Amino acid sequence: MELVNAMGLACPKPVILAKKEIDAGKGTFVVAVDNDIAVKNLEKLAQSQNYTTATSEVEGGYHVTFNGTGKAVSQAEQSNHKQPNNWALFVNKDSIGTSEGDLGPSLMTMFFYTLTESNEPPRYILFMNEGVRLPSENEQVAEHLKTLQEKGTEVLVCGTCLKFYDLTDKLMTGSVSNMYDISERMLLADKVITL
């Protein structure tokens, strides 16, 4: 039985690794993790994909054994309706939530990593206000954005906002844009999600 070593990996990486096994048609495999939250997240994934799990404690963590048909269940199949392919992500801040410290920025970085692993990445990612700090100051997010661009995502960054935060020369990826182009992409999208 194949062992996927996700020990020490932060959320959502254990789930993404398990999803790759499911997408590859694996019927049975084990994911090694080192915390309860990862176990719960893996169990939720298994349930959503019509897999069962058995969890056992091992030295330093847990082994979550997946058993299923080896056929991934898409989000559209889960919700019994087709998800829109043409969606936009509007980012107007550089962290998720209002928590102090590193939690909010870390969540934002992991969100963009998760998007790179999605089968349906956004058609547009639109940065305004403090959100422009992400493609300008966060190297990890910039790398994730480059990956998304390779998948066809268009990344637009507000030029006025870059100038306001004195980041015009620091933009690592994406195209300097304006309110007109950004609002036009919002109108073209089937749905817009704001972070």
N, C-alpha and C. Protein backbone atom coordinates (compact mmCIF):
# COMPACT_ATOMS: atom_id res chain seq x y z
N MET A 1 0.84 -1.18 0.00
CA MET A 1 0.00 0.00 0.00
C MET A 1 0.89 1.24 0.00
N GLU A 2 0.54 2.22 -0.83
CA GLU A 2 1.37 3.42 -0.97
C GLU A 2 1.23 4.32 0.24
N LEU A 3 2.37 4.86 0.72
CA LEU A 3 2.39 5.78 1.85
C LEU A 3 2.74 7.17 1.33
N VAL A 4 1.86 8.13 1.61
CA VAL A 4 2.10 9.53 1.26
C VAL A 4 2.56 10.22 2.53
N ASN A 5 3.79 10.70 2.54
CA ASN A 5 4.35 11.32 3.74
C ASN A 5 4.02 12.81 3.76
N ALA A 6 3.06 13.19 4.61
CA ALA A 6 2.69 14.59 4.78
C ALA A 6 3.04 15.08 6.18
N MET A 7 3.96 14.40 6.83
CA MET A 7 4.39 14.78 8.18
C MET A 7 5.02 16.18 8.14
N GLY A 8 4.60 17.04 9.05
CA GLY A 8 5.16 18.37 9.15
C GLY A 8 4.66 19.36 8.12
N LEU A 9 3.76 18.93 7.24
CA LEU A 9 3.25 19.85 6.21
C LEU A 9 2.02 20.59 6.72
N ALA A 10 1.98 21.89 6.45
CA ALA A 10 0.86 22.73 6.89
C ALA A 10 -0.34 22.54 5.97
N CYS A 11 -1.50 22.80 6.54
CA CYS A 11 -2.75 22.81 5.78
C CYS A 11 -2.61 23.80 4.63
N PRO A 12 -3.07 23.49 3.43
CA PRO A 12 -3.86 22.34 3.00
C PRO A 12 -3.03 21.27 2.29
N LYS A 13 -1.71 21.27 2.46
CA LYS A 13 -0.85 20.37 1.68
C LYS A 13 -1.20 18.89 1.85
N PRO A 14 -1.48 18.39 3.08
CA PRO A 14 -1.85 16.97 3.17
C PRO A 14 -3.10 16.63 2.34
N VAL A 15 -4.07 17.53 2.34
CA VAL A 15 -5.31 17.30 1.57
C VAL A 15 -5.00 17.30 0.07
N ILE A 16 -4.17 18.23 -0.36
CA ILE A 16 -3.83 18.31 -1.78
C ILE A 16 -3.08 17.05 -2.23
N LEU A 17 -2.17 16.56 -1.39
CA LEU A 17 -1.45 15.34 -1.73
C LEU A 17 -2.40 14.15 -1.83
N ALA A 18 -3.35 14.07 -0.88
CA ALA A 18 -4.33 12.98 -0.92
C ALA A 18 -5.22 13.10 -2.15
N LYS A 19 -5.61 14.31 -2.50
CA LYS A 19 -6.48 14.52 -3.68
C LYS A 19 -5.75 14.10 -4.95
N LYS A 20 -4.45 14.33 -5.01
CA LYS A 20 -3.67 13.89 -6.18
C LYS A 20 -3.70 12.37 -6.31
N GLU A 21 -3.65 11.67 -5.19
CA GLU A 21 -3.73 10.20 -5.22
C GLU A 21 -5.10 9.76 -5.74
N ILE A 22 -6.14 10.42 -5.27
CA ILE A 22 -7.50 10.10 -5.73
C ILE A 22 -7.63 10.37 -7.22
N ASP A 23 -7.15 11.55 -7.64
CA ASP A 23 -7.22 11.92 -9.06
C ASP A 23 -6.43 10.95 -9.94
N ALA A 24 -5.38 10.34 -9.36
CA ALA A 24 -4.57 9.38 -10.11
C ALA A 24 -5.22 7.99 -10.16
N GLY A 25 -6.37 7.86 -9.51
CA GLY A 25 -7.10 6.59 -9.56
C GLY A 25 -6.70 5.58 -8.50
N LYS A 26 -6.00 6.04 -7.46
CA LYS A 26 -5.61 5.12 -6.39
C LYS A 26 -6.83 4.77 -5.54
N GLY A 27 -7.08 3.49 -5.38
CA GLY A 27 -8.20 3.05 -4.56
C GLY A 27 -7.86 2.98 -3.09
N THR A 28 -6.63 2.59 -2.78
CA THR A 28 -6.20 2.46 -1.39
C THR A 28 -4.81 3.07 -1.23
N PHE A 29 -4.68 3.93 -0.23
CA PHE A 29 -3.39 4.53 0.09
C PHE A 29 -3.44 5.08 1.51
N VAL A 30 -2.26 5.39 2.05
CA VAL A 30 -2.15 5.89 3.42
C VAL A 30 -1.48 7.25 3.39
N VAL A 31 -2.02 8.19 4.19
CA VAL A 31 -1.40 9.50 4.33
C VAL A 31 -0.90 9.63 5.78
N ALA A 32 0.39 9.93 5.94
CA ALA A 32 0.98 10.12 7.26
C ALA A 32 0.97 11.61 7.59
N VAL A 33 0.35 11.96 8.74
CA VAL A 33 0.29 13.35 9.19
C VAL A 33 0.65 13.40 10.67
N ASP A 34 0.90 14.63 11.16
CA ASP A 34 1.35 14.74 12.55
C ASP A 34 0.42 15.55 13.45
N ASN A 35 -0.83 15.80 13.00
CA ASN A 35 -1.73 16.56 13.86
C ASN A 35 -3.19 16.20 13.61
N ASP A 36 -4.03 16.47 14.62
CA ASP A 36 -5.46 16.13 14.57
C ASP A 36 -6.20 16.89 13.48
N ILE A 37 -5.83 18.14 13.25
CA ILE A 37 -6.53 18.95 12.25
C ILE A 37 -6.35 18.34 10.87
N ALA A 38 -5.15 17.90 10.56
CA ALA A 38 -4.90 17.27 9.27
C ALA A 38 -5.74 16.00 9.12
N VAL A 39 -5.86 15.24 10.20
CA VAL A 39 -6.69 14.03 10.17
C VAL A 39 -8.13 14.39 9.83
N LYS A 40 -8.67 15.39 10.51
CA LYS A 40 -10.07 15.79 10.26
C LYS A 40 -10.26 16.28 8.82
N ASN A 41 -9.29 17.05 8.33
CA ASN A 41 -9.40 17.55 6.96
C ASN A 41 -9.33 16.41 5.94
N LEU A 42 -8.49 15.43 6.20
CA LEU A 42 -8.40 14.27 5.31
C LEU A 42 -9.69 13.46 5.35
N GLU A 43 -10.28 13.32 6.53
CA GLU A 43 -11.54 12.59 6.64
C GLU A 43 -12.66 13.29 5.86
N LYS A 44 -12.67 14.63 5.91
CA LYS A 44 -13.67 15.39 5.14
C LYS A 44 -13.47 15.19 3.64
N LEU A 45 -12.21 15.23 3.21
CA LEU A 45 -11.92 15.00 1.80
C LEU A 45 -12.40 13.61 1.39
N ALA A 46 -12.07 12.61 2.18
CA ALA A 46 -12.45 11.23 1.86
C ALA A 46 -13.97 11.12 1.71
N GLN A 47 -14.68 11.69 2.65
CA GLN A 47 -16.15 11.63 2.60
C GLN A 47 -16.68 12.29 1.33
N SER A 48 -16.10 13.44 0.96
CA SER A 48 -16.57 14.16 -0.23
C SER A 48 -16.27 13.41 -1.52
N GLN A 49 -15.31 12.47 -1.47
CA GLN A 49 -14.90 11.73 -2.67
C GLN A 49 -15.38 10.28 -2.65
N ASN A 50 -16.30 9.96 -1.75
CA ASN A 50 -16.85 8.60 -1.60
C ASN A 50 -15.79 7.58 -1.20
N TYR A 51 -14.85 7.99 -0.38
CA TYR A 51 -13.85 7.11 0.20
C TYR A 51 -14.17 6.92 1.68
N THR A 52 -13.71 5.83 2.24
CA THR A 52 -13.77 5.64 3.68
C THR A 52 -12.36 5.79 4.22
N THR A 53 -12.26 6.09 5.52
CA THR A 53 -10.95 6.22 6.13
C THR A 53 -10.88 5.41 7.42
N ALA A 54 -9.69 5.00 7.74
CA ALA A 54 -9.38 4.40 9.03
C ALA A 54 -8.12 5.08 9.53
N THR A 55 -8.17 5.59 10.75
CA THR A 55 -7.04 6.33 11.29
C THR A 55 -6.40 5.55 12.43
N SER A 56 -5.09 5.46 12.39
CA SER A 56 -4.35 4.79 13.46
C SER A 56 -3.22 5.69 13.93
N GLU A 57 -2.97 5.65 15.23
CA GLU A 57 -1.86 6.43 15.78
C GLU A 57 -0.55 5.68 15.54
N VAL A 58 0.46 6.44 15.15
CA VAL A 58 1.80 5.90 14.96
C VAL A 58 2.76 6.83 15.70
N GLU A 59 3.99 6.43 15.81
CA GLU A 59 4.96 7.26 16.51
C GLU A 59 5.08 8.62 15.81
N GLY A 60 4.79 9.68 16.54
CA GLY A 60 4.90 11.03 16.01
C GLY A 60 3.70 11.53 15.23
N GLY A 61 2.63 10.72 15.13
CA GLY A 61 1.49 11.21 14.38
C GLY A 61 0.43 10.17 14.11
N TYR A 62 -0.09 10.21 12.88
CA TYR A 62 -1.22 9.35 12.51
C TYR A 62 -1.04 8.84 11.08
N HIS A 63 -1.62 7.69 10.82
CA HIS A 63 -1.76 7.18 9.46
C HIS A 63 -3.25 7.16 9.14
N VAL A 64 -3.62 7.84 8.06
CA VAL A 64 -5.01 7.85 7.61
C VAL A 64 -5.07 7.01 6.34
N THR A 65 -5.76 5.88 6.43
CA THR A 65 -5.87 4.96 5.30
C THR A 65 -7.14 5.27 4.52
N PHE A 66 -6.98 5.51 3.23
CA PHE A 66 -8.10 5.79 2.32
C PHE A 66 -8.47 4.50 1.59
N ASN A 67 -9.76 4.23 1.50
CA ASN A 67 -10.28 3.11 0.71
C ASN A 67 -11.45 3.60 -0.12
N GLY A 68 -11.38 3.39 -1.42
CA GLY A 68 -12.46 3.83 -2.29
C GLY A 68 -12.37 3.22 -3.66
N THR A 69 -13.11 3.81 -4.58
CA THR A 69 -13.19 3.27 -5.93
C THR A 69 -12.03 3.69 -6.80
N GLY A 70 -11.28 4.70 -6.36
CA GLY A 70 -10.21 5.21 -7.20
C GLY A 70 -10.74 6.15 -8.27
N LYS A 71 -11.95 6.68 -8.07
CA LYS A 71 -12.53 7.62 -9.02
C LYS A 71 -12.83 8.92 -8.28
N ALA A 72 -12.21 9.99 -8.73
CA ALA A 72 -12.43 11.28 -8.09
C ALA A 72 -13.84 11.77 -8.37
N VAL A 73 -14.40 12.48 -7.39
CA VAL A 73 -15.72 13.09 -7.54
C VAL A 73 -15.50 14.59 -7.65
N SER A 74 -15.94 15.18 -8.74
CA SER A 74 -15.73 16.61 -8.95
C SER A 74 -16.65 17.41 -8.04
N GLN A 75 -16.29 18.69 -7.84
CA GLN A 75 -17.14 19.56 -7.04
C GLN A 75 -18.51 19.70 -7.69
N ALA A 76 -18.57 19.73 -9.01
CA ALA A 76 -19.86 19.85 -9.69
C ALA A 76 -20.73 18.63 -9.40
N GLU A 77 -20.11 17.43 -9.41
CA GLU A 77 -20.87 16.22 -9.08
C GLU A 77 -21.32 16.24 -7.63
N GLN A 78 -20.49 16.77 -6.75
CA GLN A 78 -20.85 16.84 -5.34
C GLN A 78 -22.08 17.72 -5.13
N SER A 79 -22.14 18.84 -5.83
CA SER A 79 -23.24 19.78 -5.62
C SER A 79 -24.37 19.60 -6.62
N ASN A 80 -24.21 18.64 -7.54
CA ASN A 80 -25.24 18.33 -8.54
C ASN A 80 -25.55 19.49 -9.47
N HIS A 81 -24.62 20.39 -9.66
CA HIS A 81 -24.79 21.42 -10.69
C HIS A 81 -23.41 21.85 -11.18
N LYS A 82 -23.39 22.40 -12.38
CA LYS A 82 -22.12 22.78 -12.99
C LYS A 82 -21.60 24.07 -12.37
N GLN A 83 -20.34 24.05 -12.01
CA GLN A 83 -19.69 25.24 -11.48
C GLN A 83 -19.27 26.13 -12.66
N PRO A 84 -19.33 27.44 -12.50
CA PRO A 84 -18.89 28.31 -13.59
C PRO A 84 -17.39 28.21 -13.82
N ASN A 85 -16.98 28.18 -15.08
CA ASN A 85 -15.57 28.14 -15.43
C ASN A 85 -14.97 29.53 -15.48
N ASN A 86 -15.79 30.52 -15.67
CA ASN A 86 -15.35 31.88 -15.90
C ASN A 86 -15.58 32.69 -14.62
N TRP A 87 -14.60 32.65 -13.71
CA TRP A 87 -14.78 33.39 -12.47
C TRP A 87 -13.56 34.27 -12.19
N ALA A 88 -13.80 35.30 -11.38
CA ALA A 88 -12.75 36.25 -11.05
C ALA A 88 -12.54 36.28 -9.54
N LEU A 89 -11.30 36.50 -9.15
CA LEU A 89 -10.95 36.67 -7.75
C LEU A 89 -10.50 38.12 -7.57
N PHE A 90 -11.19 38.85 -6.68
CA PHE A 90 -10.86 40.24 -6.40
C PHE A 90 -10.19 40.29 -5.03
N VAL A 91 -8.94 40.77 -5.00
CA VAL A 91 -8.15 40.78 -3.77
C VAL A 91 -7.84 42.22 -3.40
N ASN A 92 -8.41 42.67 -2.26
CA ASN A 92 -8.20 44.07 -1.87
C ASN A 92 -7.44 44.22 -0.56
N LYS A 93 -6.88 43.12 -0.05
CA LYS A 93 -6.03 43.19 1.14
C LYS A 93 -4.95 42.13 1.05
N ASP A 94 -3.96 42.23 1.93
CA ASP A 94 -2.82 41.34 1.82
C ASP A 94 -2.83 40.19 2.83
N SER A 95 -3.96 40.02 3.53
CA SER A 95 -4.09 38.90 4.46
C SER A 95 -5.56 38.49 4.53
N ILE A 96 -5.79 37.29 5.03
CA ILE A 96 -7.16 36.83 5.23
C ILE A 96 -7.53 37.06 6.68
N GLY A 97 -8.64 37.73 6.90
CA GLY A 97 -9.10 38.00 8.26
C GLY A 97 -8.41 39.20 8.87
N THR A 98 -8.66 39.38 10.16
CA THR A 98 -8.12 40.54 10.87
C THR A 98 -7.22 40.13 12.03
N SER A 99 -6.74 38.90 12.02
CA SER A 99 -5.92 38.43 13.13
C SER A 99 -4.57 39.14 13.16
N GLU A 100 -4.02 39.24 14.35
CA GLU A 100 -2.70 39.84 14.50
C GLU A 100 -1.62 38.82 14.19
N GLY A 101 -0.45 39.30 13.88
CA GLY A 101 0.68 38.41 13.64
C GLY A 101 0.69 37.84 12.24
N ASP A 102 1.24 36.64 12.13
CA ASP A 102 1.49 36.03 10.83
C ASP A 102 0.34 35.18 10.30
N LEU A 103 -0.71 34.96 11.08
CA LEU A 103 -1.76 34.05 10.65
C LEU A 103 -2.44 34.51 9.36
N GLY A 104 -2.90 35.75 9.30
CA GLY A 104 -3.61 36.25 8.12
C GLY A 104 -2.77 36.19 6.84
N PRO A 105 -1.53 36.69 6.86
CA PRO A 105 -0.68 36.58 5.67
C PRO A 105 -0.37 35.13 5.29
N SER A 106 -0.18 34.27 6.29
CA SER A 106 0.09 32.87 6.02
C SER A 106 -1.11 32.20 5.35
N LEU A 107 -2.31 32.51 5.83
CA LEU A 107 -3.52 31.96 5.22
C LEU A 107 -3.66 32.42 3.77
N MET A 108 -3.33 33.67 3.51
CA MET A 108 -3.42 34.19 2.15
C MET A 108 -2.44 33.45 1.23
N THR A 109 -1.22 33.24 1.70
CA THR A 109 -0.22 32.52 0.90
C THR A 109 -0.70 31.10 0.60
N MET A 110 -1.24 30.42 1.61
CA MET A 110 -1.72 29.05 1.42
C MET A 110 -2.94 29.02 0.49
N PHE A 111 -3.75 30.06 0.54
CA PHE A 111 -4.90 30.14 -0.36
C PHE A 111 -4.43 30.14 -1.81
N PHE A 112 -3.42 30.95 -2.10
CA PHE A 112 -2.92 31.01 -3.49
C PHE A 112 -2.24 29.71 -3.90
N TYR A 113 -1.56 29.06 -2.96
CA TYR A 113 -0.98 27.75 -3.27
C TYR A 113 -2.10 26.77 -3.63
N THR A 114 -3.17 26.79 -2.84
CA THR A 114 -4.30 25.89 -3.08
C THR A 114 -4.90 26.15 -4.46
N LEU A 115 -4.99 27.42 -4.86
CA LEU A 115 -5.51 27.75 -6.19
C LEU A 115 -4.66 27.12 -7.29
N THR A 116 -3.34 27.07 -7.08
CA THR A 116 -2.47 26.50 -8.12
C THR A 116 -2.76 25.02 -8.32
N GLU A 117 -3.30 24.36 -7.31
CA GLU A 117 -3.60 22.93 -7.38
C GLU A 117 -5.02 22.65 -7.86
N SER A 118 -5.79 23.70 -8.09
CA SER A 118 -7.19 23.55 -8.50
C SER A 118 -7.30 23.17 -9.98
N ASN A 119 -8.31 22.38 -10.27
CA ASN A 119 -8.59 22.04 -11.68
C ASN A 119 -9.34 23.15 -12.39
N GLU A 120 -9.87 24.10 -11.63
CA GLU A 120 -10.61 25.22 -12.22
C GLU A 120 -10.10 26.54 -11.64
N PRO A 121 -8.89 26.95 -12.01
CA PRO A 121 -8.37 28.21 -11.48
C PRO A 121 -9.19 29.39 -12.01
N PRO A 122 -9.10 30.53 -11.35
CA PRO A 122 -9.87 31.68 -11.82
C PRO A 122 -9.38 32.15 -13.19
N ARG A 123 -10.29 32.72 -13.94
CA ARG A 123 -9.90 33.30 -15.23
C ARG A 123 -9.16 34.61 -15.02
N TYR A 124 -9.58 35.34 -13.97
CA TYR A 124 -8.96 36.63 -13.66
C TYR A 124 -8.64 36.70 -12.16
N ILE A 125 -7.49 37.28 -11.82
CA ILE A 125 -7.19 37.67 -10.45
C ILE A 125 -6.89 39.16 -10.50
N LEU A 126 -7.64 39.90 -9.69
CA LEU A 126 -7.62 41.36 -9.74
C LEU A 126 -7.17 41.92 -8.39
N PHE A 127 -6.06 42.66 -8.38
CA PHE A 127 -5.51 43.20 -7.14
C PHE A 127 -5.72 44.71 -7.06
N MET A 128 -6.27 45.16 -5.92
CA MET A 128 -6.43 46.58 -5.65
C MET A 128 -6.10 46.84 -4.18
N ASN A 129 -6.00 48.12 -3.84
CA ASN A 129 -5.74 48.56 -2.48
C ASN A 129 -4.55 47.79 -1.90
N GLU A 130 -4.63 47.34 -0.62
CA GLU A 130 -3.50 46.64 -0.01
C GLU A 130 -3.20 45.30 -0.68
N GLY A 131 -4.12 44.79 -1.47
CA GLY A 131 -3.90 43.53 -2.18
C GLY A 131 -2.70 43.59 -3.11
N VAL A 132 -2.35 44.79 -3.59
CA VAL A 132 -1.22 44.90 -4.52
C VAL A 132 0.11 44.55 -3.86
N ARG A 133 0.12 44.49 -2.53
CA ARG A 133 1.35 44.09 -1.83
C ARG A 133 1.71 42.62 -2.13
N LEU A 134 0.70 41.80 -2.40
CA LEU A 134 0.95 40.37 -2.61
C LEU A 134 1.83 40.09 -3.83
N PRO A 135 1.49 40.59 -5.03
CA PRO A 135 2.37 40.31 -6.17
C PRO A 135 3.64 41.18 -6.17
N SER A 136 3.74 42.10 -5.20
CA SER A 136 4.90 42.99 -5.15
C SER A 136 5.88 42.65 -4.03
N GLU A 137 5.37 42.15 -2.90
CA GLU A 137 6.23 41.93 -1.74
C GLU A 137 6.29 40.48 -1.26
N ASN A 138 5.33 39.66 -1.68
CA ASN A 138 5.27 38.28 -1.20
C ASN A 138 5.78 37.34 -2.31
N GLU A 139 7.02 36.88 -2.17
CA GLU A 139 7.63 36.06 -3.22
C GLU A 139 6.89 34.76 -3.45
N GLN A 140 6.36 34.15 -2.38
CA GLN A 140 5.63 32.89 -2.54
C GLN A 140 4.35 33.11 -3.34
N VAL A 141 3.60 34.15 -3.00
CA VAL A 141 2.37 34.43 -3.75
C VAL A 141 2.71 34.75 -5.20
N ALA A 142 3.78 35.51 -5.42
CA ALA A 142 4.18 35.83 -6.79
C ALA A 142 4.47 34.56 -7.59
N GLU A 143 5.14 33.59 -6.97
CA GLU A 143 5.41 32.32 -7.67
C GLU A 143 4.12 31.56 -7.95
N HIS A 144 3.19 31.57 -7.00
CA HIS A 144 1.89 30.91 -7.22
C HIS A 144 1.13 31.60 -8.35
N LEU A 145 1.22 32.91 -8.40
CA LEU A 145 0.55 33.65 -9.48
C LEU A 145 1.16 33.31 -10.84
N LYS A 146 2.47 33.14 -10.89
CA LYS A 146 3.12 32.76 -12.16
C LYS A 146 2.61 31.39 -12.62
N THR A 147 2.45 30.48 -11.67
CA THR A 147 1.90 29.15 -12.00
C THR A 147 0.49 29.28 -12.55
N LEU A 148 -0.32 30.13 -11.91
CA LEU A 148 -1.69 30.33 -12.37
C LEU A 148 -1.72 30.98 -13.76
N GLN A 149 -0.79 31.89 -14.01
CA GLN A 149 -0.72 32.51 -15.34
C GLN A 149 -0.40 31.47 -16.41
N GLU A 150 0.45 30.51 -16.05
CA GLU A 150 0.76 29.44 -17.00
C GLU A 150 -0.47 28.59 -17.31
N LYS A 151 -1.42 28.57 -16.38
CA LYS A 151 -2.67 27.82 -16.57
C LYS A 151 -3.73 28.67 -17.28
N GLY A 152 -3.38 29.92 -17.61
CA GLY A 152 -4.31 30.76 -18.35
C GLY A 152 -4.97 31.87 -17.56
N THR A 153 -4.65 32.01 -16.28
CA THR A 153 -5.23 33.08 -15.47
C THR A 153 -4.60 34.41 -15.83
N GLU A 154 -5.43 35.43 -15.99
CA GLU A 154 -4.94 36.79 -16.23
C GLU A 154 -4.84 37.51 -14.90
N VAL A 155 -3.69 38.10 -14.60
CA VAL A 155 -3.46 38.79 -13.33
C VAL A 155 -3.31 40.28 -13.62
N LEU A 156 -4.25 41.08 -13.06
CA LEU A 156 -4.22 42.53 -13.23
C LEU A 156 -4.00 43.20 -11.88
N VAL A 157 -3.10 44.20 -11.85
CA VAL A 157 -2.73 44.87 -10.62
C VAL A 157 -2.95 46.37 -10.80
N CYS A 158 -3.70 46.97 -9.88
CA CYS A 158 -4.04 48.39 -9.96
C CYS A 158 -2.78 49.27 -9.91
N GLY A 159 -2.56 50.03 -10.98
CA GLY A 159 -1.39 50.91 -11.05
C GLY A 159 -1.46 52.06 -10.06
N THR A 160 -2.65 52.62 -9.84
CA THR A 160 -2.80 53.71 -8.87
C THR A 160 -2.45 53.23 -7.47
N CYS A 161 -2.86 52.00 -7.16
CA CYS A 161 -2.58 51.43 -5.84
C CYS A 161 -1.08 51.15 -5.68
N LEU A 162 -0.44 50.63 -6.74
CA LEU A 162 1.00 50.41 -6.69
C LEU A 162 1.74 51.73 -6.42
N LYS A 163 1.30 52.78 -7.09
CA LYS A 163 1.94 54.09 -6.91
C LYS A 163 1.72 54.60 -5.48
N PHE A 164 0.50 54.44 -4.96
CA PHE A 164 0.18 54.91 -3.62
C PHE A 164 1.08 54.25 -2.57
N TYR A 165 1.31 52.95 -2.71
CA TYR A 165 2.13 52.20 -1.75
C TYR A 165 3.62 52.19 -2.14
N ASP A 166 3.99 52.94 -3.16
CA ASP A 166 5.37 53.04 -3.64
C ASP A 166 5.92 51.65 -4.01
N LEU A 167 5.11 50.89 -4.78
CA LEU A 167 5.48 49.54 -5.17
C LEU A 167 5.60 49.35 -6.68
N THR A 168 5.49 50.43 -7.43
CA THR A 168 5.47 50.32 -8.88
C THR A 168 6.67 49.55 -9.43
N ASP A 169 7.86 49.80 -8.88
CA ASP A 169 9.07 49.14 -9.36
C ASP A 169 9.30 47.76 -8.73
N LYS A 170 8.41 47.36 -7.81
CA LYS A 170 8.61 46.10 -7.10
C LYS A 170 7.67 44.98 -7.57
N LEU A 171 6.81 45.27 -8.51
CA LEU A 171 5.86 44.26 -8.99
C LEU A 171 6.61 43.08 -9.60
N MET A 172 6.38 41.87 -9.07
CA MET A 172 7.10 40.68 -9.52
C MET A 172 6.37 39.92 -10.61
N THR A 173 5.05 40.05 -10.68
CA THR A 173 4.28 39.36 -11.71
C THR A 173 2.94 40.04 -11.88
N GLY A 174 2.29 39.78 -13.00
CA GLY A 174 1.02 40.42 -13.30
C GLY A 174 1.23 41.65 -14.16
N SER A 175 0.11 42.21 -14.64
CA SER A 175 0.17 43.39 -15.49
C SER A 175 -0.36 44.61 -14.74
N VAL A 176 0.37 45.71 -14.82
CA VAL A 176 -0.12 46.95 -14.24
C VAL A 176 -1.38 47.35 -15.00
N SER A 177 -2.44 47.63 -14.26
CA SER A 177 -3.73 47.88 -14.89
C SER A 177 -4.40 49.10 -14.28
N ASN A 178 -5.69 49.24 -14.56
CA ASN A 178 -6.44 50.41 -14.11
C ASN A 178 -7.86 50.01 -13.73
N MET A 179 -8.58 50.95 -13.15
CA MET A 179 -9.94 50.68 -12.68
C MET A 179 -10.84 50.22 -13.81
N TYR A 180 -10.70 50.81 -14.99
CA TYR A 180 -11.56 50.43 -16.11
C TYR A 180 -11.37 48.95 -16.47
N ASP A 181 -10.12 48.52 -16.67
CA ASP A 181 -9.87 47.13 -17.05
C ASP A 181 -10.29 46.15 -15.96
N ILE A 182 -10.03 46.52 -14.71
CA ILE A 182 -10.39 45.64 -13.59
C ILE A 182 -11.91 45.51 -13.50
N SER A 183 -12.62 46.63 -13.60
CA SER A 183 -14.09 46.55 -13.52
C SER A 183 -14.67 45.81 -14.73
N GLU A 184 -14.02 45.95 -15.88
CA GLU A 184 -14.47 45.23 -17.08
C GLU A 184 -14.34 43.72 -16.88
N ARG A 185 -13.24 43.27 -16.29
CA ARG A 185 -13.07 41.84 -16.04
C ARG A 185 -14.11 41.32 -15.06
N MET A 186 -14.47 42.15 -14.09
CA MET A 186 -15.54 41.75 -13.15
C MET A 186 -16.86 41.55 -13.88
N LEU A 187 -17.15 42.43 -14.83
CA LEU A 187 -18.39 42.32 -15.59
C LEU A 187 -18.38 41.12 -16.53
N LEU A 188 -17.20 40.75 -17.03
CA LEU A 188 -17.09 39.62 -17.92
C LEU A 188 -17.21 38.27 -17.21
N ALA A 189 -16.88 38.26 -15.92
CA ALA A 189 -16.87 37.02 -15.16
C ALA A 189 -18.31 36.58 -14.82
N ASP A 190 -18.50 35.25 -14.75
CA ASP A 190 -19.79 34.71 -14.32
C ASP A 190 -20.01 34.96 -12.84
N LYS A 191 -18.93 34.96 -12.08
CA LYS A 191 -19.02 35.30 -10.65
C LYS A 191 -17.70 35.90 -10.22
N VAL A 192 -17.77 36.73 -9.16
CA VAL A 192 -16.58 37.37 -8.60
C VAL A 192 -16.55 37.04 -7.11
N ILE A 193 -15.41 36.52 -6.67
CA ILE A 193 -15.20 36.23 -5.25
C ILE A 193 -14.22 37.25 -4.71
N THR A 194 -14.55 37.86 -3.57
CA THR A 194 -13.70 38.87 -2.98
C THR A 194 -13.02 38.33 -1.73
N LEU A 195 -11.72 38.55 -1.64
CA LEU A 195 -10.98 38.19 -0.42
C LEU A 195 -10.63 39.45 0.34
